[in-house]
Amino acid sequence: MSQNTENTNSPANKIYMKVYTVYNEVLVAACDAELIGKTLREGEIEFHVSKEFYADVLGDEEMLKKHLAKATIANLVGHKAVKCGIEMGMIDEENILKIAGIPHAQFALL
């Protein structure tokens, strides 16, 4: 996935995503755009939403779902990103971790 081929400047695009491919594994990292660069804190948990890890392409829910359909592993942060995983049946709502009220979920196909 390349920033130049899929990035659009549409105001509807509100999810950052980055796709990593290693052998047969496809990891999709995605977060709601407003979370990029922030650190979520709750109790002893400190979770940094790193630009380096999550931000390659700025897209929308439809684009994220397209990439999640090919994913074997995903790391999703934020209401919009996690919602996509739920709607695709990849994330069970009872397995969502909330950090400072922000949902975080992961999945791995075995």
C-alpha atoms as a PDB file:
ATOM      1  CA  MET A   1       0.000   0.000   0.000  1.00  0.00           C
ATOM      2  CA  SER A   2       1.494   3.281  -1.024  1.00  0.00           C
ATOM      3  CA  GLN A   3       0.557   6.722   0.147  1.00  0.00           C
ATOM      4  CA  ASN A   4       0.656   8.056  -3.403  1.00  0.00           C
ATOM      5  CA  THR A   5      -1.679   5.465  -4.927  1.00  0.00           C
ATOM      6  CA  GLU A   6      -4.536   5.402  -2.424  1.00  0.00           C
ATOM      7  CA  ASN A   7      -4.397   8.650  -0.494  1.00  0.00           C
ATOM      8  CA  THR A   8      -7.198  11.105  -1.154  1.00  0.00           C
ATOM      9  CA  ASN A   9      -7.847  14.486   0.353  1.00  0.00           C
ATOM     10  CA  SER A  10     -11.572  13.924   0.841  1.00  0.00           C
ATOM     11  CA  PRO A  11     -12.870  15.242   4.158  1.00  0.00           C
ATOM     12  CA  ALA A  12     -14.758  11.935   4.515  1.00  0.00           C
ATOM     13  CA  ASN A  13     -11.436  10.111   4.959  1.00  0.00           C
ATOM     14  CA  LYS A  14     -10.880   9.781   8.670  1.00  0.00           C
ATOM     15  CA  ILE A  15      -8.908   6.592   9.294  1.00  0.00           C
ATOM     16  CA  TYR A  16      -5.152   6.155   9.031  1.00  0.00           C
ATOM     17  CA  MET A  17      -3.959   2.722   8.021  1.00  0.00           C
ATOM     18  CA  LYS A  18      -0.765   0.909   7.215  1.00  0.00           C
ATOM     19  CA  VAL A  19      -0.402  -2.576   5.757  1.00  0.00           C
ATOM     20  CA  TYR A  20       2.585  -4.789   6.546  1.00  0.00           C
ATOM     21  CA  THR A  21       3.221  -7.991   4.579  1.00  0.00           C
ATOM     22  CA  VAL A  22       5.651 -10.602   5.868  1.00  0.00           C
ATOM     23  CA  TYR A  23       5.620 -13.918   4.025  1.00  0.00           C
ATOM     24  CA  ASN A  24       1.983 -15.072   4.093  1.00  0.00           C
ATOM     25  CA  GLU A  25       0.911 -12.736   6.888  1.00  0.00           C
ATOM     26  CA  VAL A  26      -0.838  -9.421   6.234  1.00  0.00           C
ATOM     27  CA  LEU A  27      -1.014  -7.063   9.209  1.00  0.00           C
ATOM     28  CA  VAL A  28      -3.383  -4.109   8.963  1.00  0.00           C
ATOM     29  CA  ALA A  29      -2.768  -1.372  11.519  1.00  0.00           C
ATOM     30  CA  ALA A  30      -5.494   1.285  11.603  1.00  0.00           C
ATOM     31  CA  CYS A  31      -6.593   4.120  13.847  1.00  0.00           C
ATOM     32  CA  ASP A  32      -9.063   6.964  13.802  1.00  0.00           C
ATOM     33  CA  ALA A  33      -7.227   9.955  12.317  1.00  0.00           C
ATOM     34  CA  GLU A  34      -7.752  12.206  15.327  1.00  0.00           C
ATOM     35  CA  LEU A  35      -5.850   9.749  17.553  1.00  0.00           C
ATOM     36  CA  ILE A  36      -2.582   9.770  15.611  1.00  0.00           C
ATOM     37  CA  GLY A  37       0.326  10.855  17.806  1.00  0.00           C
ATOM     38  CA  LYS A  38      -1.710  10.765  21.025  1.00  0.00           C
ATOM     39  CA  THR A  39      -0.947   8.753  24.134  1.00  0.00           C
ATOM     40  CA  LEU A  40      -3.933   7.102  25.812  1.00  0.00           C
ATOM     41  CA  ARG A  41      -3.589   6.688  29.569  1.00  0.00           C
ATOM     42  CA  GLU A  42      -5.728   4.766  32.005  1.00  0.00           C
ATOM     43  CA  GLY A  43      -4.411   3.483  35.312  1.00  0.00           C
ATOM     44  CA  GLU A  44      -1.086   1.815  34.624  1.00  0.00           C
ATOM     45  CA  ILE A  45      -1.797   1.491  30.891  1.00  0.00           C
ATOM     46  CA  GLU A  46      -0.034   3.931  28.589  1.00  0.00           C
ATOM     47  CA  PHE A  47      -0.692   3.341  24.874  1.00  0.00           C
ATOM     48  CA  HIS A  48       0.920   5.556  22.226  1.00  0.00           C
ATOM     49  CA  VAL A  49      -0.861   5.747  18.853  1.00  0.00           C
ATOM     50  CA  SER A  50       2.308   6.031  16.823  1.00  0.00           C
ATOM     51  CA  LYS A  51       2.387   7.785  13.451  1.00  0.00           C
ATOM     52  CA  GLU A  52       5.175   5.435  12.391  1.00  0.00           C
ATOM     53  CA  PHE A  53       3.098   2.317  13.051  1.00  0.00           C
ATOM     54  CA  TYR A  54      -0.390   3.403  11.976  1.00  0.00           C
ATOM     55  CA  ALA A  55      -0.089   6.239   9.438  1.00  0.00           C
ATOM     56  CA  ASP A  56       0.669   5.443   5.828  1.00  0.00           C
ATOM     57  CA  VAL A  57      -2.594   6.188   4.031  1.00  0.00           C
ATOM     58  CA  LEU A  58      -5.495   8.376   5.095  1.00  0.00           C
ATOM     59  CA  GLY A  59      -8.680   6.592   4.083  1.00  0.00           C
ATOM     60  CA  ASP A  60     -12.256   5.880   5.011  1.00  0.00           C
ATOM     61  CA  GLU A  61     -14.188   2.937   6.431  1.00  0.00           C
ATOM     62  CA  GLU A  62     -14.713   1.416   2.991  1.00  0.00           C
ATOM     63  CA  MET A  63     -10.978   1.429   2.270  1.00  0.00           C
ATOM     64  CA  LEU A  64     -10.199  -0.076   5.676  1.00  0.00           C
ATOM     65  CA  LYS A  65     -12.729  -2.871   5.122  1.00  0.00           C
ATOM     66  CA  LYS A  66     -11.104  -3.642   1.764  1.00  0.00           C
ATOM     67  CA  HIS A  67      -7.750  -4.125   3.483  1.00  0.00           C
ATOM     68  CA  LEU A  68      -9.199  -5.989   6.474  1.00  0.00           C
ATOM     69  CA  ALA A  69     -10.717  -8.527   4.059  1.00  0.00           C
ATOM     70  CA  LYS A  70      -7.132  -9.535   3.157  1.00  0.00           C
ATOM     71  CA  ALA A  71      -5.702  -9.304   6.680  1.00  0.00           C
ATOM     72  CA  THR A  72      -4.477 -12.219   8.746  1.00  0.00           C
ATOM     73  CA  ILE A  73      -3.673  -9.914  11.680  1.00  0.00           C
ATOM     74  CA  ALA A  74      -5.081  -6.507  12.607  1.00  0.00           C
ATOM     75  CA  ASN A  75      -4.467  -3.850  15.218  1.00  0.00           C
ATOM     76  CA  LEU A  76      -7.339  -1.340  15.414  1.00  0.00           C
ATOM     77  CA  VAL A  77      -7.672   1.774  17.591  1.00  0.00           C
ATOM     78  CA  GLY A  78     -10.605   4.159  17.776  1.00  0.00           C
ATOM     79  CA  HIS A  79     -14.365   4.042  17.373  1.00  0.00           C
ATOM     80  CA  LYS A  80     -14.430   4.057  13.545  1.00  0.00           C
ATOM     81  CA  ALA A  81     -11.569   1.590  13.040  1.00  0.00           C
ATOM     82  CA  VAL A  82     -12.865  -0.924  15.608  1.00  0.00           C
ATOM     83  CA  LYS A  83     -16.402  -0.571  14.234  1.00  0.00           C
ATOM     84  CA  CYS A  84     -15.126  -1.777  10.849  1.00  0.00           C
ATOM     85  CA  GLY A  85     -13.663  -4.898  12.460  1.00  0.00           C
ATOM     86  CA  ILE A  86     -16.950  -5.579  14.259  1.00  0.00           C
ATOM     87  CA  GLU A  87     -19.037  -5.081  11.113  1.00  0.00           C
ATOM     88  CA  MET A  88     -16.814  -7.539   9.225  1.00  0.00           C
ATOM     89  CA  GLY A  89     -17.211 -10.163  11.972  1.00  0.00           C
ATOM     90  CA  MET A  90     -13.502 -10.105  12.859  1.00  0.00           C
ATOM     91  CA  ILE A  91     -13.858  -8.482  16.270  1.00  0.00           C
ATOM     92  CA  ASP A  92     -16.190  -9.642  19.048  1.00  0.00           C
ATOM     93  CA  GLU A  93     -17.450  -6.720  21.111  1.00  0.00           C
ATOM     94  CA  GLU A  94     -16.656  -8.511  24.389  1.00  0.00           C
ATOM     95  CA  ASN A  95     -12.965  -8.644  23.377  1.00  0.00           C
ATOM     96  CA  ILE A  96     -12.523  -4.887  22.972  1.00  0.00           C
ATOM     97  CA  LEU A  97     -10.189  -3.170  25.421  1.00  0.00           C
ATOM     98  CA  LYS A  98     -11.043   0.432  26.257  1.00  0.00           C
ATOM     99  CA  ILE A  99      -8.202   2.760  27.182  1.00  0.00           C
ATOM    100  CA  ALA A 100      -9.355   6.178  28.385  1.00  0.00           C
ATOM    101  CA  GLY A 101     -12.701   5.402  26.712  1.00  0.00           C
ATOM    102  CA  ILE A 102     -11.096   4.655  23.323  1.00  0.00           C
ATOM    103  CA  PRO A 103     -11.629   1.133  21.922  1.00  0.00           C
ATOM    104  CA  HIS A 104      -8.642  -1.008  20.966  1.00  0.00           C
ATOM    105  CA  ALA A 105      -8.933  -4.454  19.405  1.00  0.00           C
ATOM    106  CA  GLN A 106      -6.724  -7.003  17.707  1.00  0.00           C
ATOM    107  CA  PHE A 107      -7.332 -10.185  15.791  1.00  0.00           C
ATOM    108  CA  ALA A 108      -5.215 -12.938  14.315  1.00  0.00           C
ATOM    109  CA  LEU A 109      -6.420 -15.686  12.030  1.00  0.00           C
ATOM    110  CA  LEU A 110      -4.898 -19.019  13.018  1.00  0.00           C
END
